[in-house]
Amino acid sequence: MTEWPIIRTVGLSGVLVTFAEKMSEPANRAALAFRADIAAQAWPEVTEASTSLVSTFIEVDLAETPAALIKERVQNHLATRDWYAAPLPEGRTLWHVPTVYGTDLAPQLEEAAEVAGVDPDTAIKELSTSRVRVLTIGFAPGQPYMGELSETWNIPRQEALTKSVPPGSLVIAIRQLIIFTNASPTGWRHIGQTAFQNFRPASDMPFALTPGDELIFPSVSRAELLRIREHDTSGNGGAEREQIR
């Protein structure tokens, strides 16, 4: 039986600490907390630490630092606490992102609700009040994978791809949500539309979101979203934000 976490080298680029075989809240929590703690330690060999859904990558030049040495150091640090129950990092942000559910702007809400076994009104009520965490960033610049939703939304991806959804699309599958950075094909169902921009290349912080941030997607009318699109120049798409304490 595999004992978690597992420490592995990634070529000569560093070491990967994996906390579970598949996505779970405790494993994602562990990855986020461990990454933040490694960054705070400021080990001289470490040039960067980052996360995926259930792993922390620690960038170290293994041509300069022996792999056995850094693996032992990481193992000793893992033993200092229960990372699966660790507090999430400080400095996170809660975003309230205005979202249109359904209509021609997000045409697969009813289909997603049917697959989930709920009516569209119930779907909107649950989705618009659920608070989700940025589990990881990937696939496109700044693009967040968020979750986890309730078991109701453990719905599969589509069998066929949607040819394209627009930037700001809110899509759903496997208890997770994504806001799309760019127009893109997807196998996830397009249930909501926002005016939120994940990637802002002219900004001092090009990625609007950080793993560990949390989001709520309150429902607004189609007319309100169009008004936001017309007037918003910040990239926030009408979103309000607050520090998580």
Foldseek 3Di string as FASTA:
>chain_A
DDDDFDWDADPQFFIKTFGDPDADLLQLQLQQVLQVVVVVVPDVQFPHWFDALRMITTTGRCVVPPPVVVVVVSVVVPVPDRSSPDDGDFPAKEKAFEKAFDDPLFPCQQVQCVQLPHGSVVSQVQQQADKWFQSHDDPDPLKGKIDAAPPSQQAAFAPDKDAWHAQQFWFGHRRIIIGHQGIGIGRTGGGIGAQAHQADPVDPDRGPHDGGHMYGHHYDDPVVQVVLNVPDPPRHRPMDMDGDD
